Amino acid sequence: MESFAEYSHAIAALVIFTLIVLLLAPFSALSKAGKGLAPGGTPEQDYSDRAYRLNRAYLNGTETLPAFLTVTMAAILLGVGPAWVNWLASVALVARVAMLVVHLRGIGRAHSGLRSVLYVIGWACMAVMGLLALAAAVS
């Protein structure tokens, strides 16, 4: 569909983010199973525990993906400028991937550290994209 070709970076960001969440799912499940947890169980809230961090990274992805998908697709379908949509979606994706690395490696503090900064960057990109989509919808 040529009409969406201008948004290829944003669409790729959606696909990559979705694939990351899908990839995290079995690793999170395996790490929890390795701790003897029942399906759906949650590791003890200990940021030094890799299984806990992996589970939180997976859950963070599943919590954020619907918002990312919604604002990005709304912006695309409402014709928000492709440069803005591609840039915001790409920065949001890079922030989420960096956050994932920080999370999985246990870099920094459990609260108010680099992971939080990266979260806010991704959140801000999605919020701006949502506002741009809303402006396009009411104009």
Protein backbone atom coordinates (compact mmCIF):
# COMPACT_ATOMS: atom_id res chain seq x y z
CA MET A 1 0.00 0.00 0.00
CA GLU A 2 1.78 3.04 -1.29
CA SER A 3 -0.21 5.41 0.89
CA PHE A 4 1.57 4.04 3.96
CA ALA A 5 5.07 3.87 2.44
CA GLU A 6 5.94 7.27 3.89
CA TYR A 7 5.42 5.82 7.36
CA SER A 8 7.69 2.82 6.88
CA HIS A 9 9.95 3.69 9.84
CA ALA A 10 7.00 3.99 12.20
CA ILE A 11 5.46 0.75 10.93
CA ALA A 12 8.80 -1.02 11.29
CA ALA A 13 9.09 0.35 14.86
CA LEU A 14 5.70 -1.18 15.68
CA VAL A 15 6.70 -4.54 14.24
CA ILE A 16 10.08 -4.54 15.99
CA PHE A 17 8.55 -3.61 19.35
CA THR A 18 5.93 -6.35 18.94
CA LEU A 19 8.59 -8.93 18.04
CA ILE A 20 10.64 -7.93 21.09
CA VAL A 21 7.65 -8.46 23.38
CA LEU A 22 6.89 -11.79 21.70
CA LEU A 23 10.54 -12.84 22.12
CA LEU A 24 10.58 -11.87 25.79
CA ALA A 25 7.53 -14.00 26.61
CA PRO A 26 9.13 -17.47 26.47
CA PHE A 27 12.34 -16.26 28.15
CA SER A 28 10.32 -14.78 31.00
CA ALA A 29 8.32 -18.01 31.30
CA LEU A 30 11.47 -20.15 31.29
CA SER A 31 13.18 -18.01 33.93
CA LYS A 32 10.11 -18.24 36.17
CA ALA A 33 9.86 -22.00 35.61
CA GLY A 34 13.53 -22.28 36.55
CA LYS A 35 12.65 -20.76 39.90
CA GLY A 36 9.85 -23.31 40.35
CA LEU A 37 7.07 -20.76 39.91
CA ALA A 38 3.68 -21.84 38.60
CA PRO A 39 2.53 -20.45 35.23
CA GLY A 40 1.51 -16.85 35.79
CA GLY A 41 3.55 -16.67 38.97
CA THR A 42 5.68 -13.65 39.74
CA PRO A 43 9.25 -13.75 41.02
CA GLU A 44 9.95 -12.03 44.33
CA GLN A 45 10.35 -8.28 43.89
CA ASP A 46 14.13 -8.18 44.03
CA TYR A 47 15.84 -6.05 41.39
CA SER A 48 19.05 -8.06 41.83
CA ASP A 49 17.17 -11.19 40.62
CA ARG A 50 17.51 -11.68 36.86
CA ALA A 51 14.20 -13.59 36.65
CA TYR A 52 12.40 -10.66 38.30
CA ARG A 53 14.01 -8.14 35.92
CA LEU A 54 13.20 -10.30 32.87
CA ASN A 55 9.60 -10.69 34.00
CA ARG A 56 9.30 -6.93 34.60
CA ALA A 57 10.82 -6.18 31.18
CA TYR A 58 8.27 -8.47 29.56
CA LEU A 59 5.39 -6.97 31.55
CA ASN A 60 6.59 -3.43 30.78
CA GLY A 61 6.51 -4.31 27.10
CA THR A 62 3.02 -5.79 27.25
CA GLU A 63 1.80 -2.74 29.19
CA THR A 64 3.30 -0.24 26.74
CA LEU A 65 2.66 -1.96 23.41
CA PRO A 66 -1.08 -1.15 23.23
CA ALA A 67 -0.47 2.57 23.77
CA PHE A 68 2.40 2.61 21.27
CA LEU A 69 0.32 0.77 18.70
CA THR A 70 -2.72 3.00 19.25
CA VAL A 71 -1.03 6.40 18.99
CA THR A 72 1.20 5.35 16.09
CA MET A 73 -1.61 3.85 14.04
CA ALA A 74 -3.92 6.78 14.83
CA ALA A 75 -1.23 9.22 13.69
CA ILE A 76 -0.67 7.25 10.48
CA LEU A 77 -4.36 6.85 9.68
CA LEU A 78 -5.09 10.52 10.40
CA GLY A 79 -2.24 11.66 8.15
CA VAL A 80 0.02 13.29 10.74
CA GLY A 81 3.23 14.37 9.02
CA PRO A 82 5.28 11.26 8.21
CA ALA A 83 8.53 12.87 9.37
CA TRP A 84 7.05 13.47 12.84
CA VAL A 85 5.45 10.05 13.11
CA ASN A 86 8.58 8.23 11.90
CA TRP A 87 10.86 10.26 14.17
CA LEU A 88 8.70 9.92 17.29
CA ALA A 89 8.06 6.20 16.76
CA SER A 90 11.75 5.55 16.11
CA VAL A 91 12.90 7.47 19.19
CA ALA A 92 10.27 5.69 21.30
CA LEU A 93 11.53 2.34 20.02
CA VAL A 94 15.19 3.18 20.66
CA ALA A 95 14.30 4.35 24.18
CA ARG A 96 12.38 1.11 24.82
CA VAL A 97 15.23 -1.08 23.52
CA ALA A 98 17.76 0.85 25.62
CA MET A 99 15.44 0.52 28.61
CA LEU A 100 15.24 -3.21 27.99
CA VAL A 101 19.04 -3.52 27.98
CA VAL A 102 19.28 -1.47 31.18
CA HIS A 103 16.54 -3.59 32.77
CA LEU A 104 17.98 -6.96 31.79
CA ARG A 105 21.52 -6.07 32.83
CA GLY A 106 20.37 -4.55 36.11
CA ILE A 107 22.15 -1.27 35.35
CA GLY A 108 21.50 1.50 37.82
CA ARG A 109 19.01 1.73 40.63
CA ALA A 110 15.63 0.06 40.81
CA HIS A 111 13.93 3.48 41.08
CA SER A 112 14.58 6.86 39.46
CA GLY A 113 17.62 5.77 37.50
CA LEU A 114 18.53 5.52 33.83
CA ARG A 115 15.68 3.09 33.23
CA SER A 116 13.20 5.72 34.43
CA VAL A 117 14.73 8.38 32.16
CA LEU A 118 14.44 6.06 29.16
CA TYR A 119 10.85 5.23 30.09
CA VAL A 120 9.96 8.94 30.19
CA ILE A 121 11.58 9.54 26.79
CA GLY A 122 9.50 6.77 25.21
CA TRP A 123 6.38 7.91 27.07
CA ALA A 124 6.88 11.52 25.92
CA CYS A 125 7.24 10.43 22.28
CA MET A 126 4.00 8.47 22.52
CA ALA A 127 2.22 11.36 24.28
CA VAL A 128 3.29 13.84 21.59
CA MET A 129 2.26 11.44 18.84
CA GLY A 130 -1.11 10.98 20.54
CA LEU A 131 -1.61 14.74 20.78
CA LEU A 132 -0.68 15.18 17.11
CA ALA A 133 -3.17 12.46 16.17
CA LEU A 134 -5.86 14.08 18.29
CA ALA A 135 -5.19 17.47 16.69
CA ALA A 136 -5.47 15.87 13.26
CA ALA A 137 -8.73 14.19 14.25
CA VAL A 138 -10.43 17.39 15.36
CA SER A 139 -9.20 19.60 12.56
